[in-house]
Protein backbone atom coordinates (compact mmCIF):
# COMPACT_ATOMS: atom_id res chain seq x y z
CA MET A 1 -0.01 -0.05 -0.13
CA SER A 2 1.65 3.78 -1.01
CA THR A 3 1.98 6.14 1.43
CA GLU A 4 -0.68 8.60 -0.68
CA ALA A 5 -3.21 5.51 -0.20
CA GLY A 6 -2.67 5.08 3.74
CA GLN A 7 -2.82 9.20 4.69
CA HIS A 8 -5.82 10.05 5.98
CA SER A 9 -6.21 12.17 9.55
CA GLY A 10 -5.76 10.58 12.82
CA PRO A 11 -9.03 11.04 15.32
CA GLU A 12 -6.95 13.83 17.05
CA LYS A 13 -4.10 16.17 16.70
CA LEU A 14 -1.91 17.76 18.90
CA LYS A 15 -2.18 21.43 18.93
CA SER A 16 1.89 22.48 18.33
CA ARG A 17 4.90 21.37 17.31
CA LEU A 18 6.56 21.82 20.49
CA GLY A 19 3.53 19.85 21.87
CA PHE A 20 4.38 16.83 19.96
CA ILE A 21 8.47 17.09 20.46
CA LEU A 22 7.85 17.15 24.13
CA LEU A 23 5.01 14.50 24.77
CA SER A 24 7.27 12.11 22.06
CA ALA A 25 10.24 12.81 24.53
CA GLY A 26 8.35 12.44 27.21
CA CYS A 27 7.73 9.28 26.27
CA ALA A 28 11.07 8.28 25.74
CA ILE A 29 12.61 10.16 28.79
CA GLY A 30 12.52 7.88 31.95
CA LEU A 31 14.24 5.95 34.87
CA GLY A 32 16.72 4.36 32.35
CA ASN A 33 18.03 8.02 31.45
CA VAL A 34 18.97 8.55 35.12
CA TRP A 35 19.70 5.44 36.48
CA ARG A 36 21.26 3.49 34.24
CA PHE A 37 23.25 5.70 31.70
CA PRO A 38 25.46 8.30 34.09
CA TYR A 39 26.69 4.75 35.75
CA VAL A 40 27.13 2.74 32.48
CA ALA A 41 29.17 5.97 31.54
CA GLY A 42 31.43 6.03 34.01
CA GLU A 43 32.40 2.64 34.44
CA ASN A 44 32.97 2.24 30.38
CA GLY A 45 35.43 4.94 30.64
CA GLY A 46 33.66 8.04 31.00
CA GLY A 47 34.11 10.14 27.91
CA ILE A 48 34.90 7.76 25.34
CA PHE A 49 31.67 5.75 26.16
CA VAL A 50 29.75 9.29 25.81
CA ALA A 51 31.05 9.83 22.82
CA ILE A 52 30.11 6.26 21.27
CA TYR A 53 26.91 6.80 22.97
CA ILE A 54 26.58 9.61 20.89
CA ILE A 55 27.20 7.93 17.53
CA CYS A 56 25.25 4.75 18.50
CA LEU A 57 21.97 7.35 19.02
CA ILE A 58 22.41 9.03 15.54
CA LEU A 59 23.05 5.66 13.79
CA VAL A 60 20.30 3.39 15.88
CA GLY A 61 18.00 5.60 17.83
CA VAL A 62 17.50 8.67 15.07
CA PRO A 63 16.63 5.91 12.50
CA ALA A 64 14.22 3.62 14.68
CA VAL A 65 12.36 6.77 15.76
CA MET A 66 11.77 7.47 12.06
CA LEU A 67 10.82 4.43 11.59
CA GLU A 68 8.01 4.07 13.89
CA MET A 69 7.04 7.65 14.05
CA SER A 70 6.52 7.66 9.94
CA LEU A 71 4.29 4.30 10.25
CA GLY A 72 2.07 6.24 12.63
CA ARG A 73 1.94 9.51 10.69
CA ALA A 74 1.14 7.33 7.45
CA THR A 75 -1.70 5.52 8.52
CA GLY A 76 -2.89 7.69 11.25
CA LYS A 77 -3.52 4.70 13.44
CA SER A 78 -1.88 2.40 16.68
CA ILE A 79 0.01 -0.15 16.73
CA THR A 80 -3.13 -2.40 16.70
CA ARG A 81 -3.89 -0.95 12.76
CA ALA A 82 -0.74 0.89 11.56
CA TYR A 83 0.34 -2.41 9.87
CA GLU A 84 -2.75 -3.61 8.76
CA ALA A 85 -3.19 -0.18 6.83
CA ALA A 86 0.02 -0.28 5.70
CA GLU A 87 0.79 -3.66 4.38
CA PRO A 88 0.45 -5.21 0.85
CA PRO A 89 -3.12 -6.58 0.34
CA GLY A 90 -3.50 -10.54 1.85
CA SER A 91 -0.24 -9.71 3.75
CA ARG A 92 -0.52 -10.77 7.22
CA TRP A 93 2.14 -8.06 8.79
CA HIS A 94 -0.49 -7.20 11.13
CA LEU A 95 -0.67 -10.44 13.23
CA SER A 96 1.95 -8.56 15.12
CA ARG A 97 -0.24 -6.58 16.96
CA TYR A 98 -1.61 -9.25 19.38
CA VAL A 99 2.13 -9.74 20.88
CA LEU A 100 3.00 -5.77 20.69
CA ILE A 101 -0.44 -4.33 22.20
CA ALA A 102 1.00 -6.54 25.21
CA GLY A 103 3.97 -4.55 25.88
CA PRO A 104 2.90 -1.02 26.65
CA TYR A 105 0.48 -2.82 29.50
CA ILE A 106 2.95 -4.63 30.72
CA LEU A 107 5.38 -2.17 30.93
CA LEU A 108 2.81 0.23 32.83
CA GLY A 109 2.01 -2.70 35.14
CA PHE A 110 5.95 -2.31 36.59
CA TYR A 111 6.50 1.08 35.78
CA THR A 112 3.82 2.35 37.87
CA VAL A 113 5.01 1.18 40.91
CA LEU A 114 8.54 2.72 40.44
CA THR A 115 6.92 5.91 39.61
CA GLY A 116 5.02 5.37 42.86
CA TRP A 117 7.88 4.83 44.56
CA LEU A 118 8.96 8.26 43.57
CA LEU A 119 6.14 9.96 44.41
CA TYR A 120 6.74 8.46 47.89
CA TYR A 121 10.39 9.59 48.38
CA LEU A 122 9.22 13.00 46.99
CA CYS A 123 6.46 13.24 50.03
CA TYR A 124 8.99 12.42 52.54
CA PHE A 125 11.34 15.29 51.21
CA LEU A 126 8.32 17.59 50.99
CA THR A 127 7.20 16.97 54.57
CA GLY A 128 11.01 17.32 56.21
CA ASP A 129 11.63 13.47 57.57
CA PHE A 130 14.98 13.80 55.82
CA GLY A 131 15.37 17.03 56.70
CA SER A 132 16.73 15.67 60.10
CA LEU A 133 18.77 12.88 58.56
CA HIS A 134 22.19 14.31 58.76
CA TYR A 135 24.70 11.65 58.96
CA SER A 136 28.90 12.41 59.71
CA ASP A 137 29.56 8.88 58.90
CA ALA A 138 28.85 7.93 55.17
CA ALA A 139 28.18 4.19 56.80
CA GLU A 140 25.51 5.09 59.04
CA ALA A 141 23.62 6.84 56.36
CA GLY A 142 23.94 3.98 53.95
CA VAL A 143 22.18 1.74 56.74
CA ALA A 144 19.73 4.00 57.33
CA SER A 145 18.74 4.60 53.67
CA LEU A 146 18.66 0.92 52.82
CA GLN A 147 16.51 0.46 55.93
CA ARG A 148 13.85 3.12 54.85
CA PHE A 149 13.67 1.62 51.55
CA ARG A 150 13.52 -1.98 52.65
CA ASP A 151 10.60 -0.86 55.04
CA PHE A 152 8.91 0.79 52.23
CA LEU A 153 9.22 -2.20 49.99
CA GLY A 154 7.76 -4.78 52.93
CA ASN A 155 4.91 -2.26 53.49
CA PRO A 156 2.37 -3.37 50.78
CA GLY A 157 -0.41 -0.62 52.26
CA ALA A 158 2.09 2.35 50.91
CA MET A 159 3.35 0.81 47.93
CA LEU A 160 -0.48 0.45 46.79
CA THR A 161 -1.47 3.86 47.58
CA ALA A 162 1.57 5.36 45.55
CA THR A 163 0.92 3.19 42.66
CA MET A 164 -2.56 3.37 42.53
CA ILE A 165 -2.62 7.29 42.58
CA VAL A 166 -0.25 7.27 39.90
CA ILE A 167 -2.75 5.17 37.72
CA ALA A 168 -5.46 7.36 38.45
CA ALA A 169 -3.84 10.81 37.41
CA ALA A 170 -2.82 8.83 34.23
CA GLY A 171 -6.27 7.99 33.70
CA MET A 172 -8.02 11.37 34.42
CA ILE A 173 -5.64 12.93 32.03
CA ALA A 174 -6.93 10.36 29.63
CA LEU A 175 -10.15 11.11 29.75
CA ARG A 176 -10.04 14.17 27.84
CA ARG A 177 -9.04 14.31 24.01
CA VAL A 178 -5.27 14.36 23.61
CA GLU A 179 -4.47 18.04 22.67
CA LYS A 180 -6.60 19.34 25.93
CA GLY A 181 -5.33 16.48 28.14
CA LEU A 182 -1.98 14.85 27.82
CA GLU A 183 -0.50 17.78 25.75
CA ALA A 184 -2.05 20.53 28.12
CA VAL A 185 -0.19 18.52 30.83
CA THR A 186 2.80 17.58 29.46
CA LYS A 187 3.97 20.35 27.91
CA PRO A 188 4.30 22.42 31.28
CA LEU A 189 5.70 19.14 32.79
CA MET A 190 8.31 18.55 30.34
CA LEU A 191 9.46 22.41 30.24
CA LEU A 192 9.36 22.38 34.25
CA LEU A 193 11.40 19.02 34.05
CA LEU A 194 14.07 20.39 32.11
CA PHE A 195 14.42 23.88 34.21
CA MET A 196 14.87 21.57 37.33
CA LEU A 197 17.40 19.52 35.72
CA VAL A 198 19.74 22.97 34.73
CA ALA A 199 18.85 24.25 38.44
CA LEU A 200 20.12 20.93 39.82
CA VAL A 201 23.23 20.58 37.65
CA ALA A 202 23.97 24.15 38.56
CA TYR A 203 24.10 23.88 42.26
CA CYS A 204 25.86 20.61 42.02
CA LEU A 205 28.41 21.71 40.43
CA THR A 206 29.44 24.14 43.09
CA LEU A 207 29.85 21.37 45.52
CA PRO A 208 33.25 20.69 46.86
CA GLY A 209 35.07 18.20 44.67
CA ALA A 210 32.57 18.38 42.47
CA MET A 211 34.73 18.60 39.40
CA GLU A 212 36.50 15.57 40.59
CA GLY A 213 32.92 13.74 39.54
CA VAL A 214 32.70 15.55 36.72
CA ARG A 215 36.22 13.80 35.38
CA TYR A 216 35.31 10.76 36.20
CA TYR A 217 32.13 10.86 34.25
CA LEU A 218 33.12 12.75 31.00
CA TYR A 219 37.30 12.72 30.97
CA PRO A 220 38.08 10.32 28.39
CA ASP A 221 39.78 7.27 30.66
CA LEU A 222 41.70 4.68 28.77
CA THR A 223 42.31 2.40 31.75
CA ARG A 224 38.61 2.01 32.26
CA PHE A 225 37.89 1.96 28.47
CA ARG A 226 40.76 -1.02 28.28
CA ASN A 227 39.47 -3.05 31.13
CA ALA A 228 35.85 -3.16 29.82
CA GLY A 229 37.27 -3.87 26.38
CA LEU A 230 35.83 -2.61 23.02
CA SER A 231 33.12 -5.12 22.18
CA ARG A 232 31.57 -4.30 25.85
CA VAL A 233 31.34 -0.80 25.56
CA VAL A 234 29.86 -0.38 22.44
CA THR A 235 27.30 -3.17 22.94
CA GLU A 236 26.72 -1.18 26.11
CA ALA A 237 26.36 1.99 24.11
CA LEU A 238 24.36 0.38 21.64
CA THR A 239 21.97 -1.66 24.50
CA GLN A 240 21.48 1.85 26.06
CA ALA A 241 20.53 4.00 23.14
CA PHE A 242 17.89 1.10 21.80
CA PHE A 243 16.51 1.05 25.01
CA THR A 244 16.50 4.46 26.08
CA LEU A 245 13.71 5.12 23.29
CA SER A 246 11.50 2.48 24.13
CA VAL A 247 10.88 1.98 20.17
CA GLY A 248 9.04 -1.19 19.33
CA GLN A 249 6.01 -1.54 21.26
CA GLY A 250 4.08 1.28 19.35
CA SER A 251 4.06 4.50 21.99
CA LEU A 252 6.05 6.87 19.84
CA LEU A 253 4.08 5.51 16.79
CA VAL A 254 0.87 7.14 18.59
CA PHE A 255 2.14 10.37 18.26
CA GLY A 256 3.33 10.21 15.11
CA SER A 257 -0.29 9.73 14.08
CA TYR A 258 -1.03 12.74 15.82
CA SER A 259 1.47 14.60 14.24
CA SER A 260 1.22 17.25 11.72
CA ARG A 261 2.98 17.00 8.14
CA GLU A 262 4.50 20.43 8.02
CA HIS A 263 8.05 19.37 9.32
CA SER A 264 10.28 16.08 7.86
CA LEU A 265 10.59 13.35 10.73
CA VAL A 266 14.31 13.41 10.18
CA ASN A 267 14.05 17.13 12.35
CA GLU A 268 11.55 15.56 14.43
CA SER A 269 13.24 12.54 15.47
CA LEU A 270 17.08 14.51 15.56
CA TYR A 271 15.01 16.75 18.38
CA ILE A 272 13.45 13.90 20.40
CA VAL A 273 16.55 11.55 20.53
CA GLY A 274 18.45 15.24 21.11
CA LEU A 275 16.25 16.07 24.16
CA ASP A 276 16.55 12.25 25.53
CA PHE A 277 20.41 12.30 25.20
CA MET A 278 20.41 15.84 27.06
CA VAL A 279 18.37 14.28 30.06
CA ALA A 280 20.27 11.55 30.19
CA PHE A 281 23.83 13.50 30.28
CA LEU A 282 22.88 16.17 32.86
CA ALA A 283 21.54 13.58 35.17
CA GLY A 284 25.36 12.36 35.31
CA LEU A 285 26.32 16.59 35.96
CA ILE A 286 24.08 15.56 38.97
CA ILE A 287 25.08 12.68 39.97
CA PHE A 288 28.32 12.00 39.68
CA PRO A 289 29.74 15.59 41.34
CA ALA A 290 27.09 14.89 44.24
CA CYS A 291 28.32 11.23 44.93
CA PHE A 292 32.04 12.30 44.91
CA SER A 293 31.67 15.47 46.51
CA TYR A 294 30.41 13.57 49.79
CA GLY A 295 32.37 10.31 48.93
CA ILE A 296 29.76 7.89 48.26
CA SER A 297 30.43 5.71 45.49
CA PRO A 298 27.74 6.36 42.57
CA ASP A 299 25.58 2.93 41.93
CA SER A 300 22.90 1.74 39.23
CA GLY A 301 19.59 0.86 39.52
CA PRO A 302 17.09 1.50 42.41
CA ASN A 303 19.69 1.77 45.00
CA LEU A 304 21.29 4.87 42.90
CA LEU A 305 17.72 6.71 43.59
CA PHE A 306 16.28 5.49 46.72
CA ILE A 307 19.90 4.28 48.83
CA THR A 308 23.00 6.19 47.47
CA MET A 309 21.38 9.24 46.86
CA ILE A 310 19.36 9.25 49.76
CA ASN A 311 23.07 9.16 51.36
CA VAL A 312 23.92 12.32 49.48
CA PHE A 313 20.93 14.49 50.38
CA SER A 314 21.59 13.39 53.99
CA GLY A 315 24.50 14.59 54.20
CA MET A 316 23.97 18.08 52.30
CA GLU A 317 23.31 21.72 53.89
CA HIS A 318 20.42 22.15 52.15
CA GLY A 319 20.03 18.38 51.50
CA GLN A 320 15.85 18.73 51.71
CA THR A 321 15.65 21.22 49.45
CA ALA A 322 17.63 19.53 46.55
CA GLY A 323 16.18 16.10 47.27
CA VAL A 324 12.55 17.51 46.74
CA LEU A 325 14.01 19.02 43.46
CA PHE A 326 15.68 15.92 42.44
CA PHE A 327 12.82 13.72 43.29
CA PHE A 328 10.34 16.12 41.72
CA PHE A 329 12.28 15.99 38.66
CA MET A 330 12.57 11.92 38.77
CA PHE A 331 9.10 12.04 39.16
CA ILE A 332 8.16 13.99 36.53
CA ALA A 333 10.37 11.80 34.13
CA ALA A 334 9.16 8.85 35.04
CA PHE A 335 5.14 10.25 34.98
CA THR A 336 5.45 11.63 31.87
CA THR A 337 6.24 8.20 30.95
CA VAL A 338 3.61 6.80 32.13
CA ALA A 339 0.77 9.32 31.14
CA THR A 340 2.14 9.24 27.20
CA VAL A 341 2.25 5.54 26.98
CA PHE A 342 -1.29 5.37 28.78
CA GLU A 343 -2.21 7.26 25.82
CA GLY A 344 -0.49 5.02 23.31
CA ASN A 345 -3.00 2.28 25.31
CA MET A 346 -6.04 4.40 24.48
CA ALA A 347 -5.46 4.55 21.18
CA ALA A 348 -4.74 0.74 20.61
CA LEU A 349 -8.43 0.14 22.36
CA ARG A 350 -9.92 2.95 19.96
CA ASP A 351 -8.30 1.32 16.81
CA LEU A 352 -9.18 -2.21 17.70
CA PHE A 353 -12.40 -2.18 19.67
CA GLY A 354 -13.80 1.19 19.14
CA ILE A 355 -13.88 2.12 22.63
CA ARG A 356 -14.62 5.91 22.93
CA ARG A 357 -12.29 8.17 25.32
CA ILE A 358 -14.09 8.02 28.44
CA PRO A 359 -14.87 4.29 28.67
CA GLY A 360 -11.63 3.66 27.19
CA ALA A 361 -9.73 5.45 30.20
CA LEU A 362 -11.44 3.77 32.77
CA LEU A 363 -10.88 0.47 31.51
CA ASN A 364 -7.19 1.77 31.04
CA THR A 365 -7.18 2.50 34.79
CA LEU A 366 -8.60 -0.45 36.25
CA PHE A 367 -6.89 -2.67 33.83
CA ILE A 368 -3.29 -1.45 34.72
CA ALA A 369 -4.48 -1.61 38.29
CA VAL A 370 -4.79 -5.03 38.15
CA LEU A 371 -1.69 -5.79 36.58
CA ALA A 372 0.43 -3.43 38.90
CA LEU A 373 -1.07 -5.61 42.09
CA PRO A 374 1.33 -8.57 41.73
CA VAL A 375 4.47 -6.37 41.12
CA VAL A 376 3.25 -4.52 44.50
CA PHE A 377 2.91 -7.51 46.21
CA GLY A 378 6.07 -9.40 45.00
CA PHE A 379 7.97 -6.95 47.49
CA ASN A 380 6.11 -8.32 50.29
CA ILE A 381 2.78 -10.53 50.39
CA LEU A 382 4.23 -12.47 47.57
CA GLY A 383 7.64 -12.24 48.13
CA ASP A 384 8.23 -16.15 48.14
CA ILE A 385 7.56 -16.50 44.68
CA HIS A 386 10.26 -16.15 41.95
CA PRO A 387 9.18 -16.06 38.71
CA LEU A 388 12.60 -15.92 36.92
CA GLY A 389 14.57 -18.12 39.55
CA GLY A 390 17.02 -16.67 42.26
CA ASP A 391 15.95 -13.56 44.11
CA SER A 392 13.61 -12.12 41.28
CA ASN A 393 10.01 -11.35 41.48
CA PHE A 394 7.24 -9.57 39.37
CA LEU A 395 9.05 -6.58 38.83
CA ASP A 396 12.21 -8.63 37.36
CA LEU A 397 9.63 -10.84 34.98
CA GLY A 398 7.28 -7.65 33.25
CA ASP A 399 10.91 -6.15 32.92
CA PHE A 400 12.17 -9.18 31.16
CA ILE A 401 9.27 -9.40 29.13
CA VAL A 402 8.94 -5.54 27.73
CA SER A 403 12.98 -5.07 27.99
CA THR A 404 14.42 -8.39 26.27
CA ASN A 405 11.49 -9.23 24.48
CA ILE A 406 9.31 -7.48 23.10
CA LEU A 407 10.83 -4.03 22.49
CA PRO A 408 13.67 -5.50 20.52
CA PHE A 409 11.66 -8.22 18.53
CA GLY A 410 9.03 -4.92 18.47
CA ALA A 411 11.83 -2.49 16.68
CA LEU A 412 13.26 -5.71 14.59
CA PHE A 413 9.94 -6.26 13.07
CA LEU A 414 9.31 -2.95 12.33
CA THR A 415 12.42 -2.45 10.34
CA LEU A 416 11.97 -5.74 8.10
CA PHE A 417 8.00 -3.99 7.46
CA ALA A 418 9.70 -1.24 6.42
CA ALA A 419 12.33 -2.86 4.10
CA LEU A 420 10.05 -5.91 2.82
CA GLY A 421 5.94 -5.19 3.32
CA TRP A 422 5.51 -1.16 3.32
CA GLY A 423 8.65 -0.66 1.12
CA PHE A 424 11.49 1.53 1.55
CA ARG A 425 10.41 3.99 -0.87
CA ASN A 426 7.05 4.53 1.27
CA PHE A 427 9.06 5.08 4.10
CA ARG A 428 10.96 7.50 2.87
CA ASN A 429 8.38 9.67 1.35
CA GLU A 430 6.60 9.78 4.85
CA VAL A 431 9.94 10.80 6.38
CA ASN A 432 10.85 13.36 4.04
CA THR A 433 7.25 15.20 3.80
CA GLY A 434 7.32 18.19 5.54
CA SER A 435 10.07 20.83 5.72
CA GLY A 436 13.51 20.10 6.82
CA LEU A 437 16.42 17.86 6.51
CA LYS A 438 15.40 14.90 3.85
CA LEU A 439 16.45 11.14 3.98
CA PRO A 440 18.86 10.60 1.03
CA ALA A 441 17.86 7.42 -1.30
CA TRP A 442 21.49 5.73 -0.80
CA THR A 443 20.52 4.99 2.56
CA SER A 444 18.24 2.09 1.50
CA TRP A 445 21.10 -0.65 2.37
CA TYR A 446 21.32 0.84 6.09
CA PHE A 447 17.79 0.28 6.62
CA ARG A 448 17.29 -3.09 4.79
CA VAL A 449 20.32 -4.82 5.95
CA LEU A 450 22.29 -3.08 8.55
CA LEU A 451 19.68 -1.15 10.97
CA PRO A 452 17.89 -5.02 11.50
CA LEU A 453 21.33 -6.92 11.79
CA VAL A 454 22.01 -4.28 14.81
CA ILE A 455 18.55 -4.52 16.41
CA ALA A 456 19.06 -8.26 16.02
CA LEU A 457 22.61 -8.08 17.72
CA ILE A 458 20.85 -6.36 20.14
CA LEU A 459 18.22 -8.79 20.90
CA ILE A 460 20.96 -11.60 20.86
CA THR A 461 22.63 -9.90 23.64
CA GLY A 462 19.88 -9.16 25.59
CA TYR A 463 19.37 -12.96 25.82
CA ALA A 464 23.08 -14.16 26.78
CA GLY A 465 22.94 -11.64 29.29
CA ILE A 466 20.21 -12.81 30.37
CA ILE A 467 21.31 -16.83 30.00
CA SER A 468 24.57 -15.55 31.88
CA LYS A 469 22.56 -14.19 34.61
CA TRP A 470 20.50 -17.37 35.14
CA SER A 471 23.45 -19.84 34.50
CA SER A 472 25.68 -17.86 37.53
């Protein structure tokens, strides 16, 4: 089916280009930007890794975003109908929707829980509970922070309350049309996120010993690079570049369907990926200066936010204020992801079953709340259940299903569809529609051959890491 034949307006449209870029970036920007990128960068050569990561974003991230958004804009559909609208007559590419539609729901099942954690800690800082926790000894602060986190995880009532507030807030936003609900809320939140991020960077760079953290983070370190090895550094950069954008499950595709055709998707993809990188990069300029200033080793994953950074704020003179800003920034980053992915689920229900917005919002709220229950209780009531063996829980299971399977599978399927189903010519025509940078014809070989191979490598690498973890 040609691009021209597939063009039609989606049921709703965003009001502004800025809204489109900020919503799409909000969908991509999340916890992975903060709790993984800085740590991986520091561990794999500092500035060397950052340079390789930027190259990977350009070679993998930008093309993947263009692929997903072009299919959405060309068809005006969500993941449940987009392949069907663009595929050649009689083909079966659209059957993938029965797998891909599950991704955003499973993602929200555990991501809303993580966002609830951030809301809980933000409330604690706001109420002043952390204001008096000033420890002269880092080990003492670490023990106190770890115990507080464990107490919270062991309290199903507190976890459930925080999670349900997050889900309910996303559901309320989804009750209104996208331009009056999600766009109206997300635009100011994203701008506030960027303002707070810059303010936190400015403050952390003034801390004593902050430049030592900056050097560790950004100066090229050949020793760390050699210890990690070139193959590992490149693999880590590719993996981070791919997963930070959440391409493959159809969330960005929805915003492509809501966008105008005034600007080429080359331009828009560069802006979205650039914003995503900026948040991850600046997060490192908060974490490393703060950690090095207080002699605390930076960690990765939940420990970074809920233990390491608590230790840092506990020792700061203005730790409560810094903590409020930090966790407000983190909450906005996570909540904008929740709200934008929620909208993708709304569009999927609308296209697949014809469900209107208000009942769709209520159904999604209920369904996601049910999916979140085992994740919440997996840390307490259901703590003896280990779905992946070892010490795993239902959050690990959800992350495995989405990150190791649905995201890379969906992205690989999308690249193959663009090459063999929809056709590179139709894809390129859609990407180049509008003013701005254009995708040249000679890139056909890259999108047809090299990009699918790179995504397949990411998929294989993810499984190799899981198998290695399970066998150890």
